[in-house]
Amino acid sequence: MKQITGITKQESFRLSRMTDRTEEGAFVRAEGAVHRVRNLGEVVFVVLRQRDGLIQTVFDRKRFEESGEIREGGALRTEGRIRREGRAPGGAEIIVEKAQVLSVPAASLPLPVDRNIRTASLEARLDHRAISLRNMKERAVFRIQEGLVRGFRDYLYGQGFTEIHTPKLGAKGAEGGANIFKLSYFHKPAVLAQSPQFYKQMLVGVFDRVFETGPVFRAEKHNTRRHLNEYTSLDLEMGYIDSMEEIMETETEYLRYAMALLNREYERELKLLNCELPRIASIPALRFDEAKKLVAELYGRPARAPYDLEPEEEELIGRYGREHLNSDFVFITHYPSKKRPFYAMDDPEDSRFTLSFDLLCRGVEVTTGGQRIHDYGMLRKKMEARGMSEEGMEGYLEAFRCGMPPHGGLGIGLERLTVQLLGEDNVREGSLFPRDMGRLTP
């Protein structure tokens, strides 16, 4: 009987293992996807794509022809000796002595993954997403995105948060409104979660501090460069707070932590994408009403929507942040109560406004957060004032009836944050497989 004791020693050579001390002429084995083939006659260069980058292998003509069908898109294992070469990816190449074809593609690639894939339209790249993501720049976007999620988790673990996983099927939407996907759940009405809001609030009464990274669903009939109908939200909720500023401070520290992590461990991807991340010493905060007035006066843009910021206003606030505040991020605080959900705490000094905020990154909202109502009587009173039913919310309300601490939290749109940091124009660029009004595949 065979016993499985753990991972056996990895023998494959990877670019990340290359150091200045790696010996010239060292015999190694390397495997990967065939990213590019350059046949120069007597010499053939085959570039392999590995999880941590590209590595160049060099065949003489005879060995290349004897090795079988080596085509872009296939998989290949090679054995040979390392040779330093400054023009090769990573500064070295492998002179192949033996090769084994692991797979041969049955069709040609529909997109040029080894070249500038942006020559193809975004729609074409999304139609062939499993292939377009093989492009090194396309792939690098999601390595950066990985770093943002990793930073979120690592930072919050260090601050005493507990990671949770909440249902995505429910009886009622947390945000209310019409942007809810409705479905039949064993012949009962149900909805897809707009956010984990109710659950993370309830669990503050259990763990004090919680966070989650997961999908949320919005049935918004917007087909714009800013909107997705399924996106990933980085959510946190923290108890025993004194003000919404504590939530804003926590996000500021997270962003500072994440930028440092990306600069330290994702340098290759940042360089490939020609991206310089923001430096965050502090983040300025403007009140909602002051920000609207400032934009109207400074840029001659009259305010039209009294209870929200229009996209153009957000862009102008982002411009003001860069030009006058030396910041790519700007907090907008004290949104009108009419715009915020029922659980948002009203400003005790002026109940027309809430103790809530958005965070704009380079002129686009990437975060919504604030302090929540924790008093059961106050929560019920606000629900009654809005004509809300308690049906489907019994468990949520029970947590408050049995006592909850002062608390607040936020939700960060991962795709929006990714594309804003990288200077992309469309939020779909930050989604592996976007779901919008017209796309359910691939």
Protein backbone atom coordinates (compact mmCIF):
# COMPACT_ATOMS: atom_id res chain seq x y z
CA MET A 1 0.00 0.00 0.00
CA LYS A 2 1.34 3.40 -0.97
CA GLN A 3 1.59 6.01 1.80
CA ILE A 4 1.26 9.71 1.00
CA THR A 5 3.51 11.62 3.37
CA GLY A 6 3.43 15.11 1.91
CA ILE A 7 4.81 17.12 -0.99
CA THR A 8 7.86 15.63 -2.63
CA LYS A 9 10.83 17.84 -3.38
CA GLN A 10 10.20 20.10 -6.37
CA GLU A 11 12.90 19.68 -9.00
CA SER A 12 11.58 22.06 -11.64
CA PHE A 13 13.58 25.24 -12.17
CA ARG A 14 11.64 28.48 -11.89
CA LEU A 15 12.57 32.04 -12.64
CA SER A 16 11.92 33.07 -9.04
CA ARG A 17 14.71 30.71 -7.93
CA MET A 18 17.26 32.47 -10.11
CA THR A 19 19.86 34.35 -8.05
CA ASP A 20 23.22 35.95 -8.69
CA ARG A 21 24.76 32.81 -7.18
CA THR A 22 23.03 30.42 -9.58
CA GLU A 23 25.90 28.66 -11.32
CA GLU A 24 26.53 29.11 -15.02
CA GLY A 25 26.15 25.69 -16.60
CA ALA A 26 24.02 24.23 -13.80
CA PHE A 27 21.85 21.39 -15.07
CA VAL A 28 18.13 22.06 -14.51
CA ARG A 29 14.67 20.91 -15.52
CA ALA A 30 12.06 23.50 -16.50
CA GLU A 31 8.49 23.11 -17.62
CA GLY A 32 5.70 25.44 -18.63
CA ALA A 33 3.30 26.55 -21.33
CA VAL A 34 4.78 27.39 -24.72
CA HIS A 35 4.35 31.14 -24.80
CA ARG A 36 6.35 31.98 -27.94
CA VAL A 37 8.37 30.13 -30.58
CA ARG A 38 11.03 31.99 -32.62
CA ASN A 39 12.47 29.80 -35.32
CA LEU A 40 15.69 31.34 -36.63
CA GLY A 41 16.72 28.36 -38.68
CA GLU A 42 19.67 26.75 -36.94
CA VAL A 43 18.52 28.00 -33.53
CA VAL A 44 14.98 27.97 -32.12
CA PHE A 45 14.00 30.01 -29.05
CA VAL A 46 11.06 28.61 -27.09
CA VAL A 47 9.81 30.87 -24.29
CA LEU A 48 7.97 29.05 -21.52
CA ARG A 49 5.35 30.70 -19.36
CA GLN A 50 5.47 29.71 -15.71
CA ARG A 51 3.46 30.96 -12.76
CA ASP A 52 6.18 33.43 -11.81
CA GLY A 53 7.22 34.69 -15.24
CA LEU A 54 8.80 33.75 -18.58
CA ILE A 55 11.91 31.66 -19.10
CA GLN A 56 13.70 31.25 -22.41
CA THR A 57 14.92 27.89 -23.68
CA VAL A 58 17.25 27.43 -26.66
CA PHE A 59 17.08 24.48 -29.07
CA ASP A 60 19.40 23.63 -31.91
CA ARG A 61 17.42 22.87 -35.06
CA LYS A 62 17.88 19.09 -34.96
CA ARG A 63 16.77 18.73 -31.33
CA PHE A 64 13.75 20.97 -31.95
CA GLU A 65 12.61 18.85 -34.90
CA GLU A 66 13.19 15.60 -33.01
CA SER A 67 11.28 16.74 -29.91
CA GLY A 68 7.85 16.54 -31.50
CA GLU A 69 5.22 19.17 -32.20
CA ILE A 70 6.11 22.25 -30.16
CA ARG A 71 3.44 24.91 -30.69
CA GLU A 72 2.29 28.02 -28.87
CA GLY A 73 -0.33 27.04 -26.32
CA GLY A 74 1.07 23.58 -25.67
CA ALA A 75 2.97 22.40 -22.60
CA LEU A 76 6.64 21.42 -22.58
CA ARG A 77 9.22 19.98 -20.20
CA THR A 78 12.90 20.64 -20.90
CA GLU A 79 16.23 19.67 -19.39
CA GLY A 80 19.42 21.56 -19.99
CA ARG A 81 22.08 23.92 -18.71
CA ILE A 82 21.75 27.51 -17.59
CA ARG A 83 23.49 30.23 -19.58
CA ARG A 84 23.57 33.87 -18.56
CA GLU A 85 22.00 36.08 -21.22
CA GLY A 86 21.03 39.67 -20.49
CA ARG A 87 18.58 39.83 -23.40
CA ALA A 88 16.56 36.86 -22.14
CA PRO A 89 13.68 37.20 -19.66
CA GLY A 90 15.16 37.11 -16.19
CA GLY A 91 18.70 37.41 -17.53
CA ALA A 92 19.26 33.73 -18.27
CA GLU A 93 18.25 30.96 -20.63
CA ILE A 94 18.37 27.17 -20.74
CA ILE A 95 20.36 25.39 -23.44
CA VAL A 96 18.13 22.39 -24.06
CA GLU A 97 19.61 18.90 -24.07
CA LYS A 98 16.32 17.01 -23.76
CA ALA A 99 12.66 17.95 -24.27
CA GLN A 100 9.30 16.28 -23.71
CA VAL A 101 6.08 17.59 -25.24
CA LEU A 102 3.38 17.35 -22.56
CA SER A 103 0.47 18.57 -24.67
CA VAL A 104 -0.27 19.81 -28.19
CA PRO A 105 -3.09 22.34 -28.78
CA ALA A 106 -5.87 21.23 -31.10
CA ALA A 107 -6.38 24.74 -32.47
CA SER A 108 -4.50 27.97 -33.01
CA LEU A 109 -4.80 30.66 -30.36
CA PRO A 110 -7.59 33.17 -31.14
CA LEU A 111 -5.59 36.07 -29.66
CA PRO A 112 -1.89 37.03 -29.74
CA VAL A 113 -1.08 36.28 -26.10
CA ASP A 114 2.68 36.74 -26.62
CA ARG A 115 2.30 40.30 -27.96
CA ASN A 116 0.31 43.47 -27.24
CA ILE A 117 -3.11 41.97 -26.64
CA ARG A 118 -4.68 45.42 -26.44
CA THR A 119 -4.77 45.40 -30.25
CA ALA A 120 -7.87 43.26 -29.70
CA SER A 121 -11.04 44.90 -28.36
CA LEU A 122 -12.12 44.44 -24.75
CA GLU A 123 -15.13 42.43 -25.93
CA ALA A 124 -12.90 40.06 -27.91
CA ARG A 125 -10.61 39.63 -24.91
CA LEU A 126 -13.60 38.86 -22.69
CA ASP A 127 -15.13 36.45 -25.23
CA HIS A 128 -11.87 34.46 -25.17
CA ARG A 129 -11.06 35.15 -21.52
CA ALA A 130 -9.33 31.88 -20.70
CA ILE A 131 -6.89 32.64 -23.51
CA SER A 132 -6.47 36.41 -23.11
CA LEU A 133 -5.50 35.93 -19.45
CA ARG A 134 -2.42 34.04 -20.65
CA ASN A 135 -0.98 37.37 -21.77
CA MET A 136 1.58 38.51 -19.21
CA LYS A 137 0.11 41.99 -18.76
CA GLU A 138 -3.44 40.70 -18.46
CA ARG A 139 -2.28 38.17 -15.90
CA ALA A 140 -0.31 40.78 -13.95
CA VAL A 141 -3.52 42.74 -13.26
CA PHE A 142 -4.85 39.84 -11.22
CA ARG A 143 -1.58 39.27 -9.42
CA ILE A 144 -1.90 42.88 -8.23
CA GLN A 145 -5.49 42.15 -7.27
CA GLU A 146 -4.29 39.14 -5.31
CA GLY A 147 -1.94 41.45 -3.40
CA LEU A 148 -4.83 43.76 -2.48
CA VAL A 149 -6.84 40.86 -1.05
CA ARG A 150 -3.80 39.36 0.65
CA GLY A 151 -3.01 42.73 2.21
CA PHE A 152 -6.60 43.08 3.42
CA ARG A 153 -6.51 39.69 5.10
CA ASP A 154 -3.03 40.04 6.56
CA TYR A 155 -3.61 43.52 7.94
CA LEU A 156 -6.95 42.68 9.54
CA TYR A 157 -5.70 39.42 11.05
CA GLY A 158 -3.03 41.54 12.71
CA GLN A 159 -5.72 43.84 14.11
CA GLY A 160 -7.69 41.07 15.80
CA PHE A 161 -10.38 40.57 13.14
CA THR A 162 -12.04 37.19 12.56
CA GLU A 163 -12.65 36.08 8.98
CA ILE A 164 -16.24 35.03 8.29
CA HIS A 165 -18.16 33.48 5.39
CA THR A 166 -21.80 34.52 5.08
CA PRO A 167 -24.70 33.26 2.91
CA LYS A 168 -25.20 34.64 -0.57
CA LEU A 169 -28.84 33.50 -0.64
CA GLY A 170 -31.28 35.34 1.56
CA ALA A 171 -34.86 36.34 2.16
CA LYS A 172 -34.29 40.07 1.91
CA GLY A 173 -31.72 42.48 0.50
CA ALA A 174 -29.55 44.40 2.94
CA GLU A 175 -29.57 47.61 0.94
CA GLY A 176 -33.21 47.62 -0.17
CA GLY A 177 -34.29 49.24 -3.42
CA ALA A 178 -34.94 47.68 -6.80
CA ASN A 179 -31.42 46.46 -7.60
CA ILE A 180 -32.01 42.95 -6.24
CA PHE A 181 -31.73 39.67 -8.14
CA LYS A 182 -34.83 37.67 -7.21
CA LEU A 183 -35.12 33.91 -7.54
CA SER A 184 -37.21 30.98 -6.41
CA TYR A 185 -35.77 29.02 -3.50
CA PHE A 186 -37.73 25.75 -3.25
CA HIS A 187 -40.87 27.65 -4.30
CA LYS A 188 -40.19 30.46 -1.83
CA PRO A 189 -39.06 33.97 -2.84
CA ALA A 190 -35.35 34.64 -2.26
CA VAL A 191 -32.68 37.11 -3.31
CA LEU A 192 -28.97 37.11 -4.08
CA ALA A 193 -27.02 39.04 -1.45
CA GLN A 194 -26.37 42.71 -2.21
CA SER A 195 -23.76 42.64 0.56
CA PRO A 196 -22.96 40.68 3.74
CA GLN A 197 -24.18 43.71 5.73
CA PHE A 198 -26.78 42.11 8.01
CA TYR A 199 -24.56 39.13 8.83
CA LYS A 200 -21.40 41.06 9.56
CA GLN A 201 -23.35 43.38 11.86
CA MET A 202 -24.87 40.42 13.71
CA LEU A 203 -21.44 38.83 14.07
CA VAL A 204 -19.94 41.96 15.63
CA GLY A 205 -22.03 40.86 18.64
CA VAL A 206 -20.11 37.56 18.55
CA PHE A 207 -16.52 38.31 17.50
CA ASP A 208 -16.27 42.13 18.00
CA ARG A 209 -14.34 42.52 14.73
CA VAL A 210 -15.07 40.61 11.51
CA PHE A 211 -14.20 40.71 7.82
CA GLU A 212 -15.11 38.88 4.64
CA THR A 213 -13.99 38.79 1.02
CA GLY A 214 -16.64 37.47 -1.33
CA PRO A 215 -19.08 38.10 -4.20
CA VAL A 216 -22.03 40.47 -4.02
CA PHE A 217 -24.79 40.93 -6.55
CA ARG A 218 -26.48 44.11 -7.77
CA ALA A 219 -29.25 44.04 -10.39
CA GLU A 220 -28.38 47.53 -11.55
CA LYS A 221 -29.41 48.23 -15.13
CA HIS A 222 -26.25 50.15 -15.84
CA ASN A 223 -24.01 49.19 -18.72
CA THR A 224 -21.18 51.60 -17.95
CA ARG A 225 -17.43 51.38 -17.43
CA ARG A 226 -18.03 51.67 -13.65
CA HIS A 227 -20.59 48.93 -13.01
CA LEU A 228 -20.63 45.15 -12.65
CA ASN A 229 -23.62 43.03 -11.64
CA GLU A 230 -21.40 40.66 -9.68
CA TYR A 231 -18.29 41.96 -8.01
CA THR A 232 -15.99 41.13 -5.11
CA SER A 233 -16.38 43.11 -1.93
CA LEU A 234 -13.79 43.48 0.82
CA ASP A 235 -15.98 43.94 3.88
CA LEU A 236 -15.19 44.66 7.51
CA GLU A 237 -17.22 45.52 10.57
CA MET A 238 -15.81 46.53 13.96
CA GLY A 239 -17.42 46.99 17.34
CA TYR A 240 -16.88 49.31 20.29
CA ILE A 241 -16.09 52.33 18.15
CA ASP A 242 -16.52 55.93 19.20
CA SER A 243 -16.92 57.46 15.73
CA MET A 244 -16.90 56.75 12.01
CA GLU A 245 -13.38 58.18 11.90
CA GLU A 246 -12.13 54.91 13.42
CA ILE A 247 -13.41 53.07 10.34
CA MET A 248 -11.75 55.61 8.05
CA GLU A 249 -8.49 55.29 9.98
CA THR A 250 -8.62 51.50 9.63
CA GLU A 251 -9.06 51.77 5.86
CA THR A 252 -6.23 54.27 5.61
CA GLU A 253 -3.91 51.89 7.46
CA TYR A 254 -5.02 48.97 5.28
CA LEU A 255 -4.27 50.90 2.10
CA ARG A 256 -0.87 51.93 3.42
CA TYR A 257 -0.13 48.29 4.32
CA ALA A 258 -1.32 47.03 0.91
CA MET A 259 0.73 49.57 -1.07
CA ALA A 260 3.86 48.57 0.86
CA LEU A 261 3.15 44.88 0.24
CA LEU A 262 2.65 45.44 -3.49
CA ASN A 263 5.82 47.49 -3.82
CA ARG A 264 7.77 44.87 -1.90
CA GLU A 265 6.49 41.59 -3.36
CA TYR A 266 4.82 42.46 -6.67
CA GLU A 267 7.52 44.64 -8.18
CA ARG A 268 7.71 42.58 -11.38
CA GLU A 269 3.99 43.01 -12.08
CA LEU A 270 4.00 46.72 -11.27
CA LYS A 271 6.92 47.27 -13.62
CA LEU A 272 5.26 45.23 -16.38
CA LEU A 273 2.12 47.36 -16.07
CA ASN A 274 4.14 50.58 -15.79
CA CYS A 275 2.28 51.35 -12.56
CA GLU A 276 3.38 53.69 -9.79
CA LEU A 277 1.25 53.23 -6.70
CA PRO A 278 0.00 56.16 -4.62
CA ARG A 279 1.97 57.22 -1.57
CA ILE A 280 -0.36 57.49 1.40
CA ALA A 281 0.81 59.68 4.25
CA SER A 282 -2.77 60.64 5.10
CA ILE A 283 -6.14 60.87 3.33
CA PRO A 284 -8.08 64.18 3.32
CA ALA A 285 -11.77 64.17 4.24
CA LEU A 286 -14.44 66.57 2.93
CA ARG A 287 -18.08 66.77 3.95
CA PHE A 288 -20.57 65.85 1.24
CA ASP A 289 -22.23 69.27 1.13
CA GLU A 290 -18.87 71.09 1.19
CA ALA A 291 -17.52 68.91 -1.63
CA LYS A 292 -20.51 69.62 -3.89
CA LYS A 293 -20.21 73.34 -3.23
CA LEU A 294 -16.44 73.28 -3.84
CA VAL A 295 -16.80 71.52 -7.21
CA ALA A 296 -19.55 73.90 -8.30
CA GLU A 297 -17.52 76.99 -7.42
CA LEU A 298 -14.06 75.86 -8.48
CA TYR A 299 -14.91 74.08 -11.73
CA GLY A 300 -18.15 75.82 -12.71
CA ARG A 301 -20.10 72.59 -12.55
CA PRO A 302 -23.58 73.23 -11.10
CA ALA A 303 -24.84 70.66 -8.59
CA ARG A 304 -27.88 68.77 -9.87
CA ALA A 305 -28.32 65.67 -7.69
CA PRO A 306 -28.96 66.96 -4.14
CA TYR A 307 -28.54 63.62 -2.34
CA ASP A 308 -25.65 61.98 -4.16
CA LEU A 309 -22.46 62.68 -6.09
CA GLU A 310 -22.70 62.30 -9.85
CA PRO A 311 -19.79 60.56 -11.63
CA GLU A 312 -18.54 63.87 -13.05
CA GLU A 313 -18.53 65.40 -9.57
CA GLU A 314 -16.49 62.46 -8.27
CA GLU A 315 -14.00 62.96 -11.10
CA LEU A 316 -13.66 66.66 -10.27
CA ILE A 317 -13.19 65.91 -6.57
CA GLY A 318 -10.45 63.47 -7.59
CA ARG A 319 -8.87 66.23 -9.67
CA TYR A 320 -9.09 68.63 -6.73
CA GLY A 321 -7.45 66.00 -4.50
CA ARG A 322 -4.51 65.63 -6.86
CA GLU A 323 -4.07 69.33 -7.65
CA HIS A 324 -4.70 70.88 -4.23
CA LEU A 325 -4.40 68.15 -1.60
CA ASN A 326 -1.59 66.04 -3.11
CA SER A 327 -3.67 62.91 -2.65
CA ASP A 328 -5.07 60.24 -4.97
CA PHE A 329 -7.63 59.37 -2.29
CA VAL A 330 -10.35 61.57 -0.80
CA PHE A 331 -12.93 60.66 1.86
CA ILE A 332 -16.39 62.20 1.40
CA THR A 333 -18.32 62.17 4.67
CA HIS A 334 -21.82 62.92 6.00
CA TYR A 335 -23.94 61.71 3.10
CA PRO A 336 -27.63 62.68 3.21
CA SER A 337 -29.87 60.32 5.16
CA LYS A 338 -32.19 60.00 2.15
CA LYS A 339 -29.37 58.33 0.19
CA ARG A 340 -28.15 55.94 2.87
CA PRO A 341 -29.70 52.64 4.07
CA PHE A 342 -31.90 52.53 7.18
CA TYR A 343 -29.11 51.17 9.41
CA ALA A 344 -26.84 54.20 8.82
CA MET A 345 -26.60 56.32 11.97
CA ASP A 346 -27.86 59.87 11.58
CA ASP A 347 -25.60 62.73 12.57
CA PRO A 348 -26.78 63.76 16.07
CA GLU A 349 -26.05 67.38 15.16
CA ASP A 350 -28.15 67.32 11.98
CA SER A 351 -30.37 64.32 11.23
CA ARG A 352 -30.54 65.24 7.53
CA PHE A 353 -27.04 63.75 7.26
CA THR A 354 -25.48 60.44 8.33
CA LEU A 355 -22.24 59.39 9.96
CA SER A 356 -21.22 57.68 6.74
CA PHE A 357 -18.58 58.11 4.07
CA ASP A 358 -17.33 57.10 0.63
CA LEU A 359 -13.70 56.83 -0.38
CA LEU A 360 -12.81 58.10 -3.85
CA CYS A 361 -9.70 56.78 -5.58
CA ARG A 362 -8.59 58.99 -8.46
CA GLY A 363 -12.11 60.29 -8.90
CA VAL A 364 -14.13 57.06 -8.60
CA GLU A 365 -15.92 55.76 -5.51
CA VAL A 366 -14.30 52.53 -4.32
CA THR A 367 -15.61 52.28 -0.74
CA THR A 368 -18.81 52.94 1.18
CA GLY A 369 -18.87 52.80 4.96
CA GLY A 370 -19.85 54.43 8.19
CA GLN A 371 -21.21 54.06 11.70
CA ARG A 372 -24.35 51.94 12.15
CA ILE A 373 -27.34 52.27 14.43
CA HIS A 374 -26.82 49.86 17.31
CA ASP A 375 -29.83 50.78 19.49
CA TYR A 376 -32.83 48.51 18.86
CA GLY A 377 -35.44 51.20 19.47
CA MET A 378 -33.70 53.67 17.18
CA LEU A 379 -33.39 51.03 14.45
CA ARG A 380 -37.09 50.13 14.67
CA LYS A 381 -38.08 53.80 14.61
CA LYS A 382 -36.10 54.42 11.41
CA MET A 383 -37.58 51.35 9.75
CA GLU A 384 -41.09 52.49 10.62
CA ALA A 385 -40.39 55.99 9.28
CA ARG A 386 -39.42 54.40 5.95
CA GLY A 387 -42.43 52.10 5.87
CA MET A 388 -40.27 48.98 6.04
CA SER A 389 -41.55 45.51 6.90
CA GLU A 390 -39.72 43.25 9.35
CA GLU A 391 -40.48 40.15 7.27
CA GLY A 392 -37.28 38.28 6.47
CA MET A 393 -35.30 40.39 8.96
CA GLU A 394 -36.29 38.65 12.19
CA GLY A 395 -32.83 37.19 12.86
CA TYR A 396 -31.13 40.49 12.16
CA LEU A 397 -33.43 42.41 14.49
CA GLU A 398 -33.13 39.79 17.23
CA ALA A 399 -29.41 40.54 17.52
CA PHE A 400 -30.19 44.19 18.24
CA ARG A 401 -33.09 43.42 20.57
CA CYS A 402 -30.69 41.34 22.64
CA GLY A 403 -28.01 44.08 22.72
CA MET A 404 -25.31 45.24 20.30
CA PRO A 405 -22.20 47.38 20.82
CA PRO A 406 -21.55 50.64 18.93
CA HIS A 407 -20.13 49.54 15.60
CA GLY A 408 -19.43 50.43 12.00
CA GLY A 409 -17.79 49.11 8.89
CA LEU A 410 -17.18 49.40 5.19
CA GLY A 411 -17.19 47.59 1.87
CA ILE A 412 -14.48 48.04 -0.78
CA GLY A 413 -15.17 47.20 -4.42
CA LEU A 414 -12.13 45.11 -5.31
CA GLU A 415 -12.42 45.44 -9.09
CA ARG A 416 -12.86 49.21 -8.96
CA LEU A 417 -9.92 49.63 -6.60
CA THR A 418 -7.76 47.46 -8.86
CA VAL A 419 -8.48 49.36 -12.07
CA GLN A 420 -8.18 52.77 -10.41
CA LEU A 421 -4.75 51.93 -9.02
CA LEU A 422 -3.60 50.59 -12.39
CA GLY A 423 -5.03 53.47 -14.41
CA GLU A 424 -7.46 51.32 -16.41
CA ASP A 425 -10.61 52.85 -17.87
CA ASN A 426 -13.15 50.04 -17.49
CA VAL A 427 -13.99 48.05 -14.36
CA ARG A 428 -14.27 44.89 -16.50
CA GLU A 429 -10.48 45.00 -16.86
CA GLY A 430 -10.33 44.15 -13.14
CA SER A 431 -12.66 41.14 -13.29
CA LEU A 432 -11.47 37.69 -14.32
CA PHE A 433 -14.87 36.77 -15.79
CA PRO A 434 -17.10 39.87 -15.71
CA ARG A 435 -20.85 39.66 -15.24
CA ASP A 436 -22.71 42.66 -16.62
CA MET A 437 -26.09 43.22 -18.28
CA GLY A 438 -25.07 41.42 -21.45
CA ARG A 439 -22.55 38.83 -20.28
CA LEU A 440 -23.05 35.49 -18.52
CA THR A 441 -20.23 33.65 -20.32
CA PRO A 442 -17.59 32.43 -20.34
